């Protein structure tokens, strides 16, 4: 039995309008990955970050480097 590797494609976002960010709660430590609009600061939630594997998945999904993502408290 041969298993096929799941194809993963890199998603895109508008670099001119959005920038990647991790929102982290000071109280609970909950982290949410998403994008913030440059013009009005509105946050668009993409996924909950519960561990390093989730963070790696977010970075891989959008072809980002960890240094590209800011953390906001």
C-alpha atoms as a PDB file:
ATOM      1  CA  UNK A   1       0.000   0.000   0.000  1.00  0.00           C
ATOM      2  CA  UNK A   2       1.478   3.325  -1.053  1.00  0.00           C
ATOM      3  CA  UNK A   3       0.566   6.470   0.759  1.00  0.00           C
ATOM      4  CA  UNK A   4       0.648   9.740  -1.073  1.00  0.00           C
ATOM      5  CA  UNK A   5       2.169  12.703   0.639  1.00  0.00           C
ATOM      6  CA  UNK A   6      -0.385  15.426   1.198  1.00  0.00           C
ATOM      7  CA  UNK A   7       0.350  18.349  -1.101  1.00  0.00           C
ATOM      8  CA  UNK A   8       0.597  21.622   0.671  1.00  0.00           C
ATOM      9  CA  UNK A   9       0.411  24.873  -1.165  1.00  0.00           C
ATOM     10  CA  UNK A  10       1.698  28.186   0.063  1.00  0.00           C
ATOM     11  CA  UNK A  11      -1.113  30.693   0.497  1.00  0.00           C
ATOM     12  CA  UNK A  12      -0.611  34.326  -0.332  1.00  0.00           C
ATOM     13  CA  UNK A  13      -1.645  37.596   1.252  1.00  0.00           C
ATOM     14  CA  UNK A  14      -1.406  41.213   0.178  1.00  0.00           C
ATOM     15  CA  UNK A  15       1.919  42.445   1.594  1.00  0.00           C
ATOM     16  CA  UNK A  16       0.984  46.071   0.966  1.00  0.00           C
ATOM     17  CA  UNK A  17      -2.230  45.919   3.019  1.00  0.00           C
ATOM     18  CA  UNK A  18      -1.501  43.229   5.632  1.00  0.00           C
ATOM     19  CA  UNK A  19       1.359  42.112   7.848  1.00  0.00           C
ATOM     20  CA  UNK A  20       1.671  38.863   9.857  1.00  0.00           C
ATOM     21  CA  UNK A  21       1.268  39.058  13.622  1.00  0.00           C
ATOM     22  CA  UNK A  22       0.793  36.841  16.671  1.00  0.00           C
ATOM     23  CA  UNK A  23      -1.627  38.171  19.253  1.00  0.00           C
ATOM     24  CA  UNK A  24      -0.743  36.898  22.701  1.00  0.00           C
ATOM     25  CA  UNK A  25      -2.873  37.313  25.821  1.00  0.00           C
ATOM     26  CA  UNK A  26      -0.970  38.554  28.859  1.00  0.00           C
ATOM     27  CA  UNK A  27      -3.407  36.860  31.253  1.00  0.00           C
ATOM     28  CA  UNK A  28      -3.949  33.437  29.699  1.00  0.00           C
ATOM     29  CA  UNK A  29      -1.012  33.141  27.317  1.00  0.00           C
ATOM     30  CA  UNK A  30      -3.352  32.219  24.456  1.00  0.00           C
ATOM     31  CA  UNK A  31      -1.796  32.943  21.052  1.00  0.00           C
ATOM     32  CA  UNK A  32      -3.619  33.600  17.801  1.00  0.00           C
ATOM     33  CA  UNK A  33      -1.898  33.948  14.437  1.00  0.00           C
ATOM     34  CA  UNK A  34      -3.266  36.225  11.782  1.00  0.00           C
ATOM     35  CA  UNK A  35      -2.802  39.368   9.777  1.00  0.00           C
ATOM     36  CA  UNK A  36      -3.258  43.001  10.719  1.00  0.00           C
ATOM     37  CA  UNK A  37      -4.358  45.670   8.249  1.00  0.00           C
ATOM     38  CA  UNK A  38      -1.892  48.509   7.827  1.00  0.00           C
ATOM     39  CA  UNK A  39      -4.546  51.161   7.237  1.00  0.00           C
ATOM     40  CA  UNK A  40      -6.962  50.651  10.148  1.00  0.00           C
ATOM     41  CA  UNK A  41      -5.284  48.044  12.409  1.00  0.00           C
ATOM     42  CA  UNK A  42      -8.079  45.473  12.080  1.00  0.00           C
ATOM     43  CA  UNK A  43      -6.906  41.947  12.977  1.00  0.00           C
ATOM     44  CA  UNK A  44      -7.876  38.967  10.800  1.00  0.00           C
ATOM     45  CA  UNK A  45      -7.578  35.722  12.770  1.00  0.00           C
ATOM     46  CA  UNK A  46      -6.188  32.709  10.905  1.00  0.00           C
ATOM     47  CA  UNK A  47      -5.499  30.043  13.527  1.00  0.00           C
ATOM     48  CA  UNK A  48      -4.946  29.320  17.219  1.00  0.00           C
ATOM     49  CA  UNK A  49      -1.333  28.634  18.179  1.00  0.00           C
ATOM     50  CA  UNK A  50      -1.183  26.001  20.924  1.00  0.00           C
ATOM     51  CA  UNK A  51       2.359  24.711  20.402  1.00  0.00           C
ATOM     52  CA  UNK A  52       5.447  25.012  18.216  1.00  0.00           C
ATOM     53  CA  UNK A  53       3.960  22.651  15.629  1.00  0.00           C
ATOM     54  CA  UNK A  54       1.029  25.050  15.104  1.00  0.00           C
ATOM     55  CA  UNK A  55       3.449  27.959  14.759  1.00  0.00           C
ATOM     56  CA  UNK A  56       5.504  26.031  12.207  1.00  0.00           C
ATOM     57  CA  UNK A  57       2.323  25.201  10.279  1.00  0.00           C
ATOM     58  CA  UNK A  58       1.293  28.888  10.148  1.00  0.00           C
ATOM     59  CA  UNK A  59       4.751  29.899   8.946  1.00  0.00           C
ATOM     60  CA  UNK A  60       4.753  27.136   6.311  1.00  0.00           C
ATOM     61  CA  UNK A  61       1.211  27.976   5.121  1.00  0.00           C
ATOM     62  CA  UNK A  62       2.199  31.516   4.190  1.00  0.00           C
ATOM     63  CA  UNK A  63       5.905  31.007   3.419  1.00  0.00           C
ATOM     64  CA  UNK A  64       6.995  33.184   6.344  1.00  0.00           C
ATOM     65  CA  UNK A  65      10.101  33.256   8.502  1.00  0.00           C
ATOM     66  CA  UNK A  66       9.698  33.514  12.269  1.00  0.00           C
ATOM     67  CA  UNK A  67      11.586  36.843  12.205  1.00  0.00           C
ATOM     68  CA  UNK A  68       8.872  38.262   9.877  1.00  0.00           C
ATOM     69  CA  UNK A  69       6.109  37.768  12.449  1.00  0.00           C
ATOM     70  CA  UNK A  70       5.671  40.338  15.201  1.00  0.00           C
ATOM     71  CA  UNK A  71       4.138  39.518  18.604  1.00  0.00           C
ATOM     72  CA  UNK A  72       1.534  41.863  20.022  1.00  0.00           C
ATOM     73  CA  UNK A  73       0.325  41.721  23.642  1.00  0.00           C
END
